[in-house]
Amino acid sequence: MSNDATLDIRTIPPMYRHPLIFDKFAALEPGEGFELVNDHNPKPLYYQFQAELAGQFTWEYLEEGPEAWRVRIGRTAA
């Protein structure tokens, strides 16, 4: 999985965060991924991925707060 892409959404208004993240995910090739940086635990985002893209993504916590949450999100290989 590529580890050179980082999406830091801490300065993005909340209403734009999930659409931006899903656009970033949609642009990934199978086996690629990116690191998401957020100011809180993105658990609701995980549940949205589960509901809409079950089996198509990977989710790995790299840092769990308290100031920054980092998650590696990847597209599974086909």
PDB file of N, CA and C in Angstrom:
ATOM      1  N   MET A   1       0.843  -1.179   0.000  1.00  0.00           N
ATOM      2  CA  MET A   1       0.000   0.000   0.000  1.00  0.00           C
ATOM      3  C   MET A   1       0.886   1.239   0.000  1.00  0.00           C
ATOM      4  N   SER A   2       0.548   2.182  -0.803  1.00  0.00           N
ATOM      5  CA  SER A   2       1.309   3.423  -0.877  1.00  0.00           C
ATOM      6  C   SER A   2       1.205   4.170   0.445  1.00  0.00           C
ATOM      7  N   ASN A   3       2.312   4.714   0.902  1.00  0.00           N
ATOM      8  CA  ASN A   3       2.267   5.455   2.162  1.00  0.00           C
ATOM      9  C   ASN A   3       2.684   6.903   1.975  1.00  0.00           C
ATOM     10  N   ASP A   4       2.619   7.400   0.748  1.00  0.00           N
ATOM     11  CA  ASP A   4       3.081   8.757   0.494  1.00  0.00           C
ATOM     12  C   ASP A   4       1.942   9.760   0.450  1.00  0.00           C
ATOM     13  N   ALA A   5       0.706   9.317   0.571  1.00  0.00           N
ATOM     14  CA  ALA A   5      -0.432  10.225   0.491  1.00  0.00           C
ATOM     15  C   ALA A   5      -1.006  10.458   1.885  1.00  0.00           C
ATOM     16  N   THR A   6      -1.114  11.729   2.262  1.00  0.00           N
ATOM     17  CA  THR A   6      -1.702  12.094   3.545  1.00  0.00           C
ATOM     18  C   THR A   6      -2.806  13.106   3.296  1.00  0.00           C
ATOM     19  N   LEU A   7      -3.942  12.887   3.961  1.00  0.00           N
ATOM     20  CA  LEU A   7      -5.060  13.812   3.884  1.00  0.00           C
ATOM     21  C   LEU A   7      -5.326  14.319   5.294  1.00  0.00           C
ATOM     22  N   ASP A   8      -4.922  15.562   5.563  1.00  0.00           N
ATOM     23  CA  ASP A   8      -5.120  16.181   6.875  1.00  0.00           C
ATOM     24  C   ASP A   8      -6.379  17.024   6.797  1.00  0.00           C
ATOM     25  N   ILE A   9      -7.427  16.577   7.481  1.00  0.00           N
ATOM     26  CA  ILE A   9      -8.713  17.273   7.373  1.00  0.00           C
ATOM     27  C   ILE A   9      -9.010  18.160   8.577  1.00  0.00           C
ATOM     28  N   ARG A  10      -8.036  18.354   9.438  1.00  0.00           N
ATOM     29  CA  ARG A  10      -8.286  19.118  10.665  1.00  0.00           C
ATOM     30  C   ARG A  10      -8.710  20.555  10.408  1.00  0.00           C
ATOM     31  N   THR A  11      -8.328  21.129   9.280  1.00  0.00           N
ATOM     32  CA  THR A  11      -8.708  22.518   9.002  1.00  0.00           C
ATOM     33  C   THR A  11      -9.893  22.618   8.033  1.00  0.00           C
ATOM     34  N   ILE A  12     -10.409  21.470   7.607  1.00  0.00           N
ATOM     35  CA  ILE A  12     -11.541  21.442   6.673  1.00  0.00           C
ATOM     36  C   ILE A  12     -12.847  21.526   7.469  1.00  0.00           C
ATOM     37  N   PRO A  13     -13.797  22.375   7.050  1.00  0.00           N
ATOM     38  CA  PRO A  13     -15.084  22.424   7.755  1.00  0.00           C
ATOM     39  C   PRO A  13     -15.741  21.037   7.782  1.00  0.00           C
ATOM     40  N   PRO A  14     -16.319  20.645   8.921  1.00  0.00           N
ATOM     41  CA  PRO A  14     -16.869  19.294   9.067  1.00  0.00           C
ATOM     42  C   PRO A  14     -17.807  18.842   7.952  1.00  0.00           C
ATOM     43  N   MET A  15     -18.638  19.732   7.429  1.00  0.00           N
ATOM     44  CA  MET A  15     -19.595  19.316   6.399  1.00  0.00           C
ATOM     45  C   MET A  15     -18.916  18.857   5.104  1.00  0.00           C
ATOM     46  N   TYR A  16     -17.658  19.214   4.899  1.00  0.00           N
ATOM     47  CA  TYR A  16     -16.945  18.841   3.673  1.00  0.00           C
ATOM     48  C   TYR A  16     -16.029  17.639   3.854  1.00  0.00           C
ATOM     49  N   ARG A  17     -15.830  17.208   5.102  1.00  0.00           N
ATOM     50  CA  ARG A  17     -14.827  16.182   5.379  1.00  0.00           C
ATOM     51  C   ARG A  17     -15.145  14.834   4.738  1.00  0.00           C
ATOM     52  N   HIS A  18     -16.316  14.274   5.013  1.00  0.00           N
ATOM     53  CA  HIS A  18     -16.619  12.943   4.492  1.00  0.00           C
ATOM     54  C   HIS A  18     -16.641  12.910   2.965  1.00  0.00           C
ATOM     55  N   PRO A  19     -17.270  13.880   2.287  1.00  0.00           N
ATOM     56  CA  PRO A  19     -17.211  13.861   0.815  1.00  0.00           C
ATOM     57  C   PRO A  19     -15.776  13.909   0.287  1.00  0.00           C
ATOM     58  N   LEU A  20     -14.916  14.691   0.914  1.00  0.00           N
ATOM     59  CA  LEU A  20     -13.522  14.789   0.501  1.00  0.00           C
ATOM     60  C   LEU A  20     -12.815  13.451   0.680  1.00  0.00           C
ATOM     61  N   ILE A  21     -13.043  12.808   1.809  1.00  0.00           N
ATOM     62  CA  ILE A  21     -12.420  11.517   2.092  1.00  0.00           C
ATOM     63  C   ILE A  21     -12.896  10.457   1.105  1.00  0.00           C
ATOM     64  N   PHE A  22     -14.185  10.416   0.819  1.00  0.00           N
ATOM     65  CA  PHE A  22     -14.709   9.422  -0.114  1.00  0.00           C
ATOM     66  C   PHE A  22     -14.228   9.690  -1.547  1.00  0.00           C
ATOM     67  N   ASP A  23     -14.055  10.955  -1.917  1.00  0.00           N
ATOM     68  CA  ASP A  23     -13.474  11.271  -3.228  1.00  0.00           C
ATOM     69  C   ASP A  23     -12.034  10.774  -3.301  1.00  0.00           C
ATOM     70  N   LYS A  24     -11.283  10.982  -2.234  1.00  0.00           N
ATOM     71  CA  LYS A  24      -9.894  10.516  -2.181  1.00  0.00           C
ATOM     72  C   LYS A  24      -9.852   8.995  -2.301  1.00  0.00           C
ATOM     73  N   PHE A  25     -10.728   8.319  -1.588  1.00  0.00           N
ATOM     74  CA  PHE A  25     -10.779   6.859  -1.649  1.00  0.00           C
ATOM     75  C   PHE A  25     -11.156   6.377  -3.048  1.00  0.00           C
ATOM     76  N   ALA A  26     -12.117   7.038  -3.676  1.00  0.00           N
ATOM     77  CA  ALA A  26     -12.577   6.633  -5.007  1.00  0.00           C
ATOM     78  C   ALA A  26     -11.464   6.725  -6.040  1.00  0.00           C
ATOM     79  N   ALA A  27     -10.498   7.600  -5.821  1.00  0.00           N
ATOM     80  CA  ALA A  27      -9.403   7.785  -6.775  1.00  0.00           C
ATOM     81  C   ALA A  27      -8.294   6.737  -6.602  1.00  0.00           C
ATOM     82  N   LEU A  28      -8.374   5.934  -5.551  1.00  0.00           N
ATOM     83  CA  LEU A  28      -7.336   4.930  -5.300  1.00  0.00           C
ATOM     84  C   LEU A  28      -7.454   3.741  -6.246  1.00  0.00           C
ATOM     85  N   GLU A  29      -6.306   3.210  -6.621  1.00  0.00           N
ATOM     86  CA  GLU A  29      -6.257   1.938  -7.332  1.00  0.00           C
ATOM     87  C   GLU A  29      -6.234   0.825  -6.282  1.00  0.00           C
ATOM     88  N   PRO A  30      -6.653  -0.393  -6.640  1.00  0.00           N
ATOM     89  CA  PRO A  30      -6.572  -1.498  -5.691  1.00  0.00           C
ATOM     90  C   PRO A  30      -5.155  -1.637  -5.130  1.00  0.00           C
ATOM     91  N   GLY A  31      -5.068  -1.789  -3.820  1.00  0.00           N
ATOM     92  CA  GLY A  31      -3.775  -1.911  -3.154  1.00  0.00           C
ATOM     93  C   GLY A  31      -3.193  -0.593  -2.693  1.00  0.00           C
ATOM     94  N   GLU A  32      -3.745   0.532  -3.131  1.00  0.00           N
ATOM     95  CA  GLU A  32      -3.263   1.844  -2.707  1.00  0.00           C
ATOM     96  C   GLU A  32      -4.009   2.298  -1.461  1.00  0.00           C
ATOM     97  N   GLY A  33      -3.466   3.316  -0.819  1.00  0.00           N
ATOM     98  CA  GLY A  33      -4.110   3.865   0.357  1.00  0.00           C
ATOM     99  C   GLY A  33      -3.604   5.253   0.671  1.00  0.00           C
ATOM    100  N   PHE A  34      -4.134   5.813   1.741  1.00  0.00           N
ATOM    101  CA  PHE A  34      -3.691   7.124   2.201  1.00  0.00           C
ATOM    102  C   PHE A  34      -3.824   7.182   3.711  1.00  0.00           C
ATOM    103  N   GLU A  35      -3.141   8.154   4.293  1.00  0.00           N
ATOM    104  CA  GLU A  35      -3.219   8.366   5.729  1.00  0.00           C
ATOM    105  C   GLU A  35      -4.138   9.542   6.000  1.00  0.00           C
ATOM    106  N   LEU A  36      -5.151   9.299   6.802  1.00  0.00           N
ATOM    107  CA  LEU A  36      -6.089  10.338   7.206  1.00  0.00           C
ATOM    108  C   LEU A  36      -5.646  10.894   8.552  1.00  0.00           C
ATOM    109  N   VAL A  37      -5.591  12.227   8.664  1.00  0.00           N
ATOM    110  CA  VAL A  37      -5.262  12.886   9.924  1.00  0.00           C
ATOM    111  C   VAL A  37      -6.483  13.698  10.339  1.00  0.00           C
ATOM    112  N   ASN A  38      -6.958  13.443  11.569  1.00  0.00           N
ATOM    113  CA  ASN A  38      -8.171  14.093  12.052  1.00  0.00           C
ATOM    114  C   ASN A  38      -7.961  14.571  13.476  1.00  0.00           C
ATOM    115  N   ASP A  39      -8.870  15.421  13.956  1.00  0.00           N
ATOM    116  CA  ASP A  39      -8.758  15.955  15.316  1.00  0.00           C
ATOM    117  C   ASP A  39      -9.598  15.179  16.322  1.00  0.00           C
ATOM    118  N   HIS A  40     -10.256  14.120  15.869  1.00  0.00           N
ATOM    119  CA  HIS A  40     -11.036  13.256  16.760  1.00  0.00           C
ATOM    120  C   HIS A  40     -11.075  11.851  16.168  1.00  0.00           C
ATOM    121  N   ASN A  41     -11.530  10.905  16.938  1.00  0.00           N
ATOM    122  CA  ASN A  41     -11.635   9.529  16.465  1.00  0.00           C
ATOM    123  C   ASN A  41     -12.642   9.473  15.315  1.00  0.00           C
ATOM    124  N   PRO A  42     -12.221   9.038  14.123  1.00  0.00           N
ATOM    125  CA  PRO A  42     -13.127   9.025  12.973  1.00  0.00           C
ATOM    126  C   PRO A  42     -14.016   7.771  12.920  1.00  0.00           C
ATOM    127  N   LYS A  43     -14.476   7.310  14.064  1.00  0.00           N
ATOM    128  CA  LYS A  43     -15.303   6.110  14.126  1.00  0.00           C
ATOM    129  C   LYS A  43     -16.572   6.230  13.279  1.00  0.00           C
ATOM    130  N   PRO A  44     -17.283   7.368  13.276  1.00  0.00           N
ATOM    131  CA  PRO A  44     -18.461   7.466  12.404  1.00  0.00           C
ATOM    132  C   PRO A  44     -18.102   7.273  10.926  1.00  0.00           C
ATOM    133  N   LEU A  45     -16.928   7.749  10.535  1.00  0.00           N
ATOM    134  CA  LEU A  45     -16.469   7.543   9.157  1.00  0.00           C
ATOM    135  C   LEU A  45     -16.271   6.059   8.883  1.00  0.00           C
ATOM    136  N   TYR A  46     -15.700   5.347   9.849  1.00  0.00           N
ATOM    137  CA  TYR A  46     -15.514   3.900   9.704  1.00  0.00           C
ATOM    138  C   TYR A  46     -16.862   3.213   9.465  1.00  0.00           C
ATOM    139  N   TYR A  47     -17.863   3.591  10.251  1.00  0.00           N
ATOM    140  CA  TYR A  47     -19.190   2.981  10.087  1.00  0.00           C
ATOM    141  C   TYR A  47     -19.788   3.304   8.724  1.00  0.00           C
ATOM    142  N   GLN A  48     -19.533   4.495   8.213  1.00  0.00           N
ATOM    143  CA  GLN A  48     -20.017   4.858   6.884  1.00  0.00           C
ATOM    144  C   GLN A  48     -19.308   4.017   5.822  1.00  0.00           C
ATOM    145  N   PHE A  49     -18.001   3.833   5.965  1.00  0.00           N
ATOM    146  CA  PHE A  49     -17.277   2.960   5.037  1.00  0.00           C
ATOM    147  C   PHE A  49     -17.854   1.551   5.092  1.00  0.00           C
ATOM    148  N   GLN A  50     -18.117   1.035   6.302  1.00  0.00           N
ATOM    149  CA  GLN A  50     -18.672  -0.307   6.462  1.00  0.00           C
ATOM    150  C   GLN A  50     -20.017  -0.428   5.751  1.00  0.00           C
ATOM    151  N   ALA A  51     -20.844   0.593   5.880  1.00  0.00           N
ATOM    152  CA  ALA A  51     -22.181   0.558   5.290  1.00  0.00           C
ATOM    153  C   ALA A  51     -22.145   0.640   3.766  1.00  0.00           C
ATOM    154  N   GLU A  52     -21.230   1.442   3.239  1.00  0.00           N
ATOM    155  CA  GLU A  52     -21.226   1.708   1.806  1.00  0.00           C
ATOM    156  C   GLU A  52     -20.200   0.905   1.021  1.00  0.00           C
ATOM    157  N   LEU A  53     -19.113   0.476   1.670  1.00  0.00           N
ATOM    158  CA  LEU A  53     -18.001  -0.146   0.945  1.00  0.00           C
ATOM    159  C   LEU A  53     -17.477  -1.397   1.650  1.00  0.00           C
ATOM    160  N   ALA A  54     -18.343  -2.145   2.283  1.00  0.00           N
ATOM    161  CA  ALA A  54     -17.924  -3.331   3.034  1.00  0.00           C
ATOM    162  C   ALA A  54     -17.083  -4.249   2.148  1.00  0.00           C
ATOM    163  N   GLY A  55     -15.944  -4.668   2.678  1.00  0.00           N
ATOM    164  CA  GLY A  55     -15.062  -5.574   1.961  1.00  0.00           C
ATOM    165  C   GLY A  55     -14.160  -4.922   0.928  1.00  0.00           C
ATOM    166  N   GLN A  56     -14.300  -3.617   0.733  1.00  0.00           N
ATOM    167  CA  GLN A  56     -13.525  -2.918  -0.299  1.00  0.00           C
ATOM    168  C   GLN A  56     -12.429  -2.038   0.280  1.00  0.00           C
ATOM    169  N   PHE A  57     -12.313  -1.988   1.616  1.00  0.00           N
ATOM    170  CA  PHE A  57     -11.352  -1.074   2.229  1.00  0.00           C
ATOM    171  C   PHE A  57     -10.656  -1.736   3.410  1.00  0.00           C
ATOM    172  N   THR A  58      -9.500  -1.157   3.753  1.00  0.00           N
ATOM    173  CA  THR A  58      -8.805  -1.532   4.978  1.00  0.00           C
ATOM    174  C   THR A  58      -8.742  -0.302   5.872  1.00  0.00           C
ATOM    175  N   TRP A  59      -8.633  -0.529   7.161  1.00  0.00           N
ATOM    176  CA  TRP A  59      -8.668   0.555   8.158  1.00  0.00           C
ATOM    177  C   TRP A  59      -7.688   0.189   9.253  1.00  0.00           C
ATOM    178  N   GLU A  60      -6.664   1.013   9.444  1.00  0.00           N
ATOM    179  CA  GLU A  60      -5.649   0.723  10.458  1.00  0.00           C
ATOM    180  C   GLU A  60      -5.312   1.993  11.224  1.00  0.00           C
ATOM    181  N   TYR A  61      -5.553   1.966  12.532  1.00  0.00           N
ATOM    182  CA  TYR A  61      -5.181   3.111  13.358  1.00  0.00           C
ATOM    183  C   TYR A  61      -3.670   3.171  13.488  1.00  0.00           C
ATOM    184  N   LEU A  62      -3.094   4.345  13.228  1.00  0.00           N
ATOM    185  CA  LEU A  62      -1.665   4.583  13.390  1.00  0.00           C
ATOM    186  C   LEU A  62      -1.376   5.406  14.636  1.00  0.00           C
ATOM    187  N   GLU A  63      -2.308   6.274  14.994  1.00  0.00           N
ATOM    188  CA  GLU A  63      -2.208   7.111  16.195  1.00  0.00           C
ATOM    189  C   GLU A  63      -3.619   7.355  16.700  1.00  0.00           C
ATOM    190  N   GLU A  64      -3.817   7.211  18.008  1.00  0.00           N
ATOM    191  CA  GLU A  64      -5.164   7.352  18.572  1.00  0.00           C
ATOM    192  C   GLU A  64      -5.218   8.457  19.616  1.00  0.00           C
ATOM    193  N   GLY A  65      -5.004   9.689  19.138  1.00  0.00           N
ATOM    194  CA  GLY A  65      -5.160  10.867  19.964  1.00  0.00           C
ATOM    195  C   GLY A  65      -4.052  11.051  20.979  1.00  0.00           C
ATOM    196  N   PRO A  66      -4.221  11.993  21.881  1.00  0.00           N
ATOM    197  CA  PRO A  66      -5.440  12.783  22.072  1.00  0.00           C
ATOM    198  C   PRO A  66      -5.559  13.997  21.145  1.00  0.00           C
ATOM    199  N   GLU A  67      -4.451  14.443  20.544  1.00  0.00           N
ATOM    200  CA  GLU A  67      -4.528  15.648  19.701  1.00  0.00           C
ATOM    201  C   GLU A  67      -4.733  15.334  18.235  1.00  0.00           C
ATOM    202  N   ALA A  68      -4.201  14.226  17.789  1.00  0.00           N
ATOM    203  CA  ALA A  68      -4.347  13.841  16.387  1.00  0.00           C
ATOM    204  C   ALA A  68      -4.682  12.351  16.317  1.00  0.00           C
ATOM    205  N   TRP A  69      -5.531  12.033  15.384  1.00  0.00           N
ATOM    206  CA  TRP A  69      -5.875  10.649  15.079  1.00  0.00           C
ATOM    207  C   TRP A  69      -5.405  10.389  13.663  1.00  0.00           C
ATOM    208  N   ARG A  70      -4.643   9.335  13.478  1.00  0.00           N
ATOM    209  CA  ARG A  70      -4.126   8.983  12.158  1.00  0.00           C
ATOM    210  C   ARG A  70      -4.605   7.580  11.817  1.00  0.00           C
ATOM    211  N   VAL A  71      -5.204   7.471  10.642  1.00  0.00           N
ATOM    212  CA  VAL A  71      -5.735   6.183  10.188  1.00  0.00           C
ATOM    213  C   VAL A  71      -5.255   5.937   8.761  1.00  0.00           C
ATOM    214  N   ARG A  72      -4.743   4.746   8.518  1.00  0.00           N
ATOM    215  CA  ARG A  72      -4.391   4.338   7.159  1.00  0.00           C
ATOM    216  C   ARG A  72      -5.629   3.693   6.547  1.00  0.00           C
ATOM    217  N   ILE A  73      -6.131   4.282   5.476  1.00  0.00           N
ATOM    218  CA  ILE A  73      -7.301   3.768   4.755  1.00  0.00           C
ATOM    219  C   ILE A  73      -6.809   3.279   3.399  1.00  0.00           C
ATOM    220  N   GLY A  74      -7.140   2.052   3.067  1.00  0.00           N
ATOM    221  CA  GLY A  74      -6.691   1.495   1.803  1.00  0.00           C
ATOM    222  C   GLY A  74      -7.820   0.851   1.026  1.00  0.00           C
ATOM    223  N   ARG A  75      -7.604   0.726  -0.276  1.00  0.00           N
ATOM    224  CA  ARG A  75      -8.551   0.005  -1.133  1.00  0.00           C
ATOM    225  C   ARG A  75      -8.016  -1.413  -1.264  1.00  0.00           C
ATOM    226  N   THR A  76      -8.863  -2.387  -0.998  1.00  0.00           N
ATOM    227  CA  THR A  76      -8.414  -3.773  -1.088  1.00  0.00           C
ATOM    228  C   THR A  76      -8.128  -4.144  -2.529  1.00  0.00           C
ATOM    229  N   ALA A  77      -7.206  -5.079  -2.702  1.00  0.00           N
ATOM    230  CA  ALA A  77      -6.879  -5.560  -4.038  1.00  0.00           C
ATOM    231  C   ALA A  77      -8.068  -6.363  -4.571  1.00  0.00           C
ATOM    232  N   ALA A  78      -8.299  -6.221  -5.847  1.00  0.00           N
ATOM    233  CA  ALA A  78      -9.478  -6.869  -6.461  1.00  0.00           C
ATOM    234  C   ALA A  78      -9.308  -8.375  -6.504  1.00  0.00           C
TER     235      ALA A  78
END
